[in-house]
Amino acid sequence: MTGARRSRSRNRAEPRGVPKRTGTDIRIKRVYEPSAPGDGVRVLVDRLWPRGLSKTEARVDLWLKGLAPSDSLRRWFAHDPAKWSEFRRRYFEELAAKQEEVTELARLARRRRLTLLYAARDERHNNAVALASYLRGAAGARRHGNAARSRALSGPHDRGSARHGAARGGGHGPRVSG
């Protein structure tokens, strides 16, 4: 009888003492920084491939060009911090029209840690920061209703620096799509 009990505990979905993942774990990192084992799934969210970086060096697991800002929006913004609020508003409108892709990325973020990769020099005003904010707002809307989504999408609530410390070291092999 005790053998049967032990057998059942080994077949549990989550090992004892490991909390069930309920939220999203999204990090943001410049693609030129070395990959780290803690990066999880490395997702490039720029429309253009980063200059001077090979696919092997980038260690990108997924390239989602379709979730990058449109060329016209990217050119208009030109990483001007004075345009940040309006950029976010316009980019969120573009993302709202791409709900299938956004939903897939949000699902992945609920299952695994994501590191959104970007090439811009500005760590606080780039599309990866805006996309992470949008995804966090979408996660909040699922948990707290549509009012949370409205607040999340309307205000500049970026959480801290775009950089979330990364250990140096290995990473994942490239699997680039797109």
C-alpha atoms as a PDB file:
ATOM      1  CA  MET A   1       0.000   0.000   0.000  1.00  0.00           C
ATOM      2  CA  THR A   2       2.772   2.463   0.782  1.00  0.00           C
ATOM      3  CA  GLY A   3       4.391   1.549  -2.538  1.00  0.00           C
ATOM      4  CA  ALA A   4       1.231   2.561  -4.368  1.00  0.00           C
ATOM      5  CA  ARG A   5       1.141   5.834  -2.483  1.00  0.00           C
ATOM      6  CA  ARG A   6       4.732   6.628  -3.441  1.00  0.00           C
ATOM      7  CA  SER A   7       4.038   5.774  -7.049  1.00  0.00           C
ATOM      8  CA  ARG A   8       1.157   8.260  -7.196  1.00  0.00           C
ATOM      9  CA  SER A   9       3.256  11.066  -5.721  1.00  0.00           C
ATOM     10  CA  ARG A  10       5.916  10.545  -8.394  1.00  0.00           C
ATOM     11  CA  ASN A  11       3.327  10.972 -11.135  1.00  0.00           C
ATOM     12  CA  ARG A  12       2.167  14.398  -9.972  1.00  0.00           C
ATOM     13  CA  ALA A  13       2.371  17.214 -12.489  1.00  0.00           C
ATOM     14  CA  GLU A  14       4.417  19.445 -10.150  1.00  0.00           C
ATOM     15  CA  PRO A  15       7.086  18.136  -7.777  1.00  0.00           C
ATOM     16  CA  ARG A  16       6.439  18.710  -4.090  1.00  0.00           C
ATOM     17  CA  GLY A  17       7.487  22.177  -2.950  1.00  0.00           C
ATOM     18  CA  VAL A  18       7.494  23.693  -6.452  1.00  0.00           C
ATOM     19  CA  PRO A  19       4.817  26.374  -6.770  1.00  0.00           C
ATOM     20  CA  LYS A  20       2.530  26.263  -9.790  1.00  0.00           C
ATOM     21  CA  ARG A  21       3.266  29.030 -12.320  1.00  0.00           C
ATOM     22  CA  THR A  22       0.423  31.502 -12.295  1.00  0.00           C
ATOM     23  CA  GLY A  23       1.833  34.727 -13.739  1.00  0.00           C
ATOM     24  CA  THR A  24       4.160  35.834 -16.448  1.00  0.00           C
ATOM     25  CA  ASP A  25       7.929  36.054 -16.189  1.00  0.00           C
ATOM     26  CA  ILE A  26       9.025  38.492 -18.860  1.00  0.00           C
ATOM     27  CA  ARG A  27      12.497  39.964 -18.982  1.00  0.00           C
ATOM     28  CA  ILE A  28      13.925  42.484 -21.388  1.00  0.00           C
ATOM     29  CA  LYS A  29      17.457  42.451 -22.702  1.00  0.00           C
ATOM     30  CA  ARG A  30      19.501  44.046 -25.434  1.00  0.00           C
ATOM     31  CA  VAL A  31      20.249  41.374 -28.050  1.00  0.00           C
ATOM     32  CA  TYR A  32      23.935  42.373 -28.057  1.00  0.00           C
ATOM     33  CA  GLU A  33      24.308  41.308 -24.398  1.00  0.00           C
ATOM     34  CA  PRO A  34      25.536  37.740 -23.836  1.00  0.00           C
ATOM     35  CA  SER A  35      22.871  35.098 -23.390  1.00  0.00           C
ATOM     36  CA  ALA A  36      22.458  33.541 -19.955  1.00  0.00           C
ATOM     37  CA  PRO A  37      21.006  30.229 -18.771  1.00  0.00           C
ATOM     38  CA  GLY A  38      18.270  32.136 -16.916  1.00  0.00           C
ATOM     39  CA  ASP A  39      17.026  33.880 -20.062  1.00  0.00           C
ATOM     40  CA  GLY A  40      14.457  31.201 -20.789  1.00  0.00           C
ATOM     41  CA  VAL A  41      13.014  31.548 -24.283  1.00  0.00           C
ATOM     42  CA  ARG A  42      14.861  34.333 -26.094  1.00  0.00           C
ATOM     43  CA  VAL A  43      12.463  36.197 -28.394  1.00  0.00           C
ATOM     44  CA  LEU A  44      13.667  38.878 -30.799  1.00  0.00           C
ATOM     45  CA  VAL A  45      10.876  41.417 -31.255  1.00  0.00           C
ATOM     46  CA  ASP A  46      12.482  43.751 -33.807  1.00  0.00           C
ATOM     47  CA  ARG A  47      11.400  43.852 -37.429  1.00  0.00           C
ATOM     48  CA  LEU A  48      15.012  44.095 -38.658  1.00  0.00           C
ATOM     49  CA  TRP A  49      17.834  41.708 -37.760  1.00  0.00           C
ATOM     50  CA  PRO A  50      20.398  43.425 -35.466  1.00  0.00           C
ATOM     51  CA  ARG A  51      23.382  44.877 -37.314  1.00  0.00           C
ATOM     52  CA  GLY A  52      26.654  43.027 -37.110  1.00  0.00           C
ATOM     53  CA  LEU A  53      25.272  40.086 -35.141  1.00  0.00           C
ATOM     54  CA  SER A  54      25.202  36.548 -36.470  1.00  0.00           C
ATOM     55  CA  LYS A  55      22.314  34.226 -35.693  1.00  0.00           C
ATOM     56  CA  THR A  56      24.706  32.021 -33.734  1.00  0.00           C
ATOM     57  CA  GLU A  57      25.928  34.930 -31.600  1.00  0.00           C
ATOM     58  CA  ALA A  58      22.384  36.199 -30.968  1.00  0.00           C
ATOM     59  CA  ARG A  59      21.152  32.823 -29.674  1.00  0.00           C
ATOM     60  CA  VAL A  60      17.578  33.756 -30.596  1.00  0.00           C
ATOM     61  CA  ASP A  61      14.987  31.031 -30.020  1.00  0.00           C
ATOM     62  CA  LEU A  62      12.151  32.829 -31.779  1.00  0.00           C
ATOM     63  CA  TRP A  63      12.032  35.881 -34.043  1.00  0.00           C
ATOM     64  CA  LEU A  64       8.607  37.547 -34.014  1.00  0.00           C
ATOM     65  CA  LYS A  65       8.939  40.285 -36.629  1.00  0.00           C
ATOM     66  CA  GLY A  66       5.168  40.382 -36.906  1.00  0.00           C
ATOM     67  CA  LEU A  67       4.867  41.802 -33.374  1.00  0.00           C
ATOM     68  CA  ALA A  68       7.374  44.580 -34.052  1.00  0.00           C
ATOM     69  CA  PRO A  69       6.052  48.091 -34.694  1.00  0.00           C
ATOM     70  CA  SER A  70       5.225  48.867 -38.314  1.00  0.00           C
ATOM     71  CA  ASP A  71       7.974  50.461 -40.379  1.00  0.00           C
ATOM     72  CA  SER A  72       6.095  53.752 -40.448  1.00  0.00           C
ATOM     73  CA  LEU A  73       5.642  53.803 -36.671  1.00  0.00           C
ATOM     74  CA  ARG A  74       9.270  52.790 -36.086  1.00  0.00           C
ATOM     75  CA  ARG A  75      10.519  55.583 -38.362  1.00  0.00           C
ATOM     76  CA  TRP A  76       8.157  58.146 -36.822  1.00  0.00           C
ATOM     77  CA  PHE A  77       9.261  57.272 -33.277  1.00  0.00           C
ATOM     78  CA  ALA A  78      13.016  57.248 -34.050  1.00  0.00           C
ATOM     79  CA  HIS A  79      13.611  56.430 -30.335  1.00  0.00           C
ATOM     80  CA  ASP A  80      12.742  59.993 -29.313  1.00  0.00           C
ATOM     81  CA  PRO A  81      11.817  59.859 -25.601  1.00  0.00           C
ATOM     82  CA  ALA A  82       9.524  62.867 -26.093  1.00  0.00           C
ATOM     83  CA  LYS A  83       7.346  60.680 -28.372  1.00  0.00           C
ATOM     84  CA  TRP A  84       7.284  57.679 -25.975  1.00  0.00           C
ATOM     85  CA  SER A  85       3.690  58.020 -24.720  1.00  0.00           C
ATOM     86  CA  GLU A  86       2.285  58.476 -28.209  1.00  0.00           C
ATOM     87  CA  PHE A  87       4.476  55.666 -29.550  1.00  0.00           C
ATOM     88  CA  ARG A  88       3.081  53.305 -26.897  1.00  0.00           C
ATOM     89  CA  ARG A  89      -0.486  54.310 -27.704  1.00  0.00           C
ATOM     90  CA  ARG A  90      -0.007  53.727 -31.440  1.00  0.00           C
ATOM     91  CA  TYR A  91       1.960  50.515 -30.942  1.00  0.00           C
ATOM     92  CA  PHE A  92      -0.710  49.140 -28.597  1.00  0.00           C
ATOM     93  CA  GLU A  93      -3.282  49.831 -31.324  1.00  0.00           C
ATOM     94  CA  GLU A  94      -1.157  47.818 -33.751  1.00  0.00           C
ATOM     95  CA  LEU A  95      -0.824  44.995 -31.211  1.00  0.00           C
ATOM     96  CA  ALA A  96      -4.586  44.962 -30.641  1.00  0.00           C
ATOM     97  CA  ALA A  97      -4.960  44.112 -34.331  1.00  0.00           C
ATOM     98  CA  LYS A  98      -2.587  41.148 -33.905  1.00  0.00           C
ATOM     99  CA  GLN A  99      -4.362  39.378 -31.058  1.00  0.00           C
ATOM    100  CA  GLU A 100      -3.660  35.858 -32.280  1.00  0.00           C
ATOM    101  CA  GLU A 101       0.122  36.409 -32.196  1.00  0.00           C
ATOM    102  CA  VAL A 102      -0.065  38.343 -28.919  1.00  0.00           C
ATOM    103  CA  THR A 103      -2.144  35.564 -27.340  1.00  0.00           C
ATOM    104  CA  GLU A 104       0.390  32.919 -28.402  1.00  0.00           C
ATOM    105  CA  LEU A 105       3.246  34.927 -26.896  1.00  0.00           C
ATOM    106  CA  ALA A 106       1.257  35.503 -23.693  1.00  0.00           C
ATOM    107  CA  ARG A 107       0.585  31.750 -23.451  1.00  0.00           C
ATOM    108  CA  LEU A 108       4.281  31.057 -23.815  1.00  0.00           C
ATOM    109  CA  ALA A 109       5.033  33.636 -21.093  1.00  0.00           C
ATOM    110  CA  ARG A 110       2.671  31.838 -18.713  1.00  0.00           C
ATOM    111  CA  ARG A 111       4.480  28.527 -19.305  1.00  0.00           C
ATOM    112  CA  ARG A 112       8.116  29.659 -19.491  1.00  0.00           C
ATOM    113  CA  ARG A 113      10.309  32.635 -18.742  1.00  0.00           C
ATOM    114  CA  LEU A 114      10.601  34.947 -21.738  1.00  0.00           C
ATOM    115  CA  THR A 115      13.391  37.342 -22.523  1.00  0.00           C
ATOM    116  CA  LEU A 116      12.296  39.901 -25.093  1.00  0.00           C
ATOM    117  CA  LEU A 117      15.301  40.968 -27.145  1.00  0.00           C
ATOM    118  CA  TYR A 118      15.751  44.331 -28.857  1.00  0.00           C
ATOM    119  CA  ALA A 119      18.624  46.081 -30.636  1.00  0.00           C
ATOM    120  CA  ALA A 120      17.977  49.754 -29.755  1.00  0.00           C
ATOM    121  CA  ARG A 121      20.493  51.595 -27.603  1.00  0.00           C
ATOM    122  CA  ASP A 122      17.824  53.183 -25.409  1.00  0.00           C
ATOM    123  CA  GLU A 123      16.993  50.697 -22.661  1.00  0.00           C
ATOM    124  CA  ARG A 124      13.877  52.528 -21.453  1.00  0.00           C
ATOM    125  CA  HIS A 125      12.208  53.614 -24.704  1.00  0.00           C
ATOM    126  CA  ASN A 126      11.997  50.709 -27.136  1.00  0.00           C
ATOM    127  CA  ASN A 127       9.400  48.325 -28.507  1.00  0.00           C
ATOM    128  CA  ALA A 128      10.434  45.428 -26.221  1.00  0.00           C
ATOM    129  CA  VAL A 129       9.679  47.561 -23.135  1.00  0.00           C
ATOM    130  CA  ALA A 130       6.320  48.547 -24.635  1.00  0.00           C
ATOM    131  CA  LEU A 131       5.487  44.964 -25.656  1.00  0.00           C
ATOM    132  CA  ALA A 132       6.331  43.636 -22.170  1.00  0.00           C
ATOM    133  CA  SER A 133       4.045  46.284 -20.698  1.00  0.00           C
ATOM    134  CA  TYR A 134       1.274  45.284 -23.106  1.00  0.00           C
ATOM    135  CA  LEU A 135       1.685  41.584 -22.276  1.00  0.00           C
ATOM    136  CA  ARG A 136       1.653  42.294 -18.527  1.00  0.00           C
ATOM    137  CA  GLY A 137      -1.474  44.387 -19.008  1.00  0.00           C
ATOM    138  CA  ALA A 138      -3.119  41.561 -20.927  1.00  0.00           C
ATOM    139  CA  ALA A 139      -2.229  39.130 -18.125  1.00  0.00           C
ATOM    140  CA  GLY A 140      -3.716  41.520 -15.578  1.00  0.00           C
ATOM    141  CA  ALA A 141      -6.877  41.860 -17.641  1.00  0.00           C
ATOM    142  CA  ARG A 142      -7.359  38.083 -17.610  1.00  0.00           C
ATOM    143  CA  ARG A 143      -7.039  38.012 -13.827  1.00  0.00           C
ATOM    144  CA  HIS A 144      -8.879  41.239 -12.992  1.00  0.00           C
ATOM    145  CA  GLY A 145     -11.258  41.982 -15.847  1.00  0.00           C
ATOM    146  CA  ASN A 146     -11.176  44.550 -18.639  1.00  0.00           C
ATOM    147  CA  ALA A 147     -10.707  47.578 -16.360  1.00  0.00           C
ATOM    148  CA  ALA A 148      -7.191  46.387 -15.551  1.00  0.00           C
ATOM    149  CA  ARG A 149      -6.405  46.073 -19.255  1.00  0.00           C
ATOM    150  CA  SER A 150      -7.616  49.617 -19.894  1.00  0.00           C
ATOM    151  CA  ARG A 151      -5.393  50.965 -17.100  1.00  0.00           C
ATOM    152  CA  ALA A 152      -2.457  48.882 -18.256  1.00  0.00           C
ATOM    153  CA  LEU A 153      -2.682  50.092 -21.821  1.00  0.00           C
ATOM    154  CA  SER A 154      -3.313  53.749 -21.094  1.00  0.00           C
ATOM    155  CA  GLY A 155      -0.663  54.707 -18.548  1.00  0.00           C
ATOM    156  CA  PRO A 156       3.118  54.732 -18.654  1.00  0.00           C
ATOM    157  CA  HIS A 157       3.659  52.045 -16.028  1.00  0.00           C
ATOM    158  CA  ASP A 158       6.878  50.442 -17.175  1.00  0.00           C
ATOM    159  CA  ARG A 159       8.318  48.576 -14.252  1.00  0.00           C
ATOM    160  CA  GLY A 160      11.794  49.795 -13.504  1.00  0.00           C
ATOM    161  CA  SER A 161      14.656  49.565 -15.886  1.00  0.00           C
ATOM    162  CA  ALA A 162      14.400  47.644 -19.112  1.00  0.00           C
ATOM    163  CA  ARG A 163      17.447  45.763 -17.982  1.00  0.00           C
ATOM    164  CA  HIS A 164      16.832  42.896 -15.601  1.00  0.00           C
ATOM    165  CA  GLY A 165      20.330  41.754 -14.693  1.00  0.00           C
ATOM    166  CA  ALA A 166      21.587  38.733 -16.518  1.00  0.00           C
ATOM    167  CA  ALA A 167      24.260  36.299 -15.511  1.00  0.00           C
ATOM    168  CA  ARG A 168      26.930  35.634 -18.047  1.00  0.00           C
ATOM    169  CA  GLY A 169      27.176  32.210 -19.507  1.00  0.00           C
ATOM    170  CA  GLY A 170      25.584  29.685 -21.834  1.00  0.00           C
ATOM    171  CA  GLY A 171      22.203  29.827 -23.412  1.00  0.00           C
ATOM    172  CA  HIS A 172      20.058  28.221 -26.010  1.00  0.00           C
ATOM    173  CA  GLY A 173      20.937  27.305 -29.541  1.00  0.00           C
ATOM    174  CA  PRO A 174      19.388  29.390 -32.280  1.00  0.00           C
ATOM    175  CA  ARG A 175      16.001  28.526 -33.687  1.00  0.00           C
ATOM    176  CA  VAL A 176      15.034  31.492 -35.753  1.00  0.00           C
ATOM    177  CA  SER A 177      11.670  31.676 -37.427  1.00  0.00           C
ATOM    178  CA  GLY A 178      10.069  34.316 -39.558  1.00  0.00           C
END
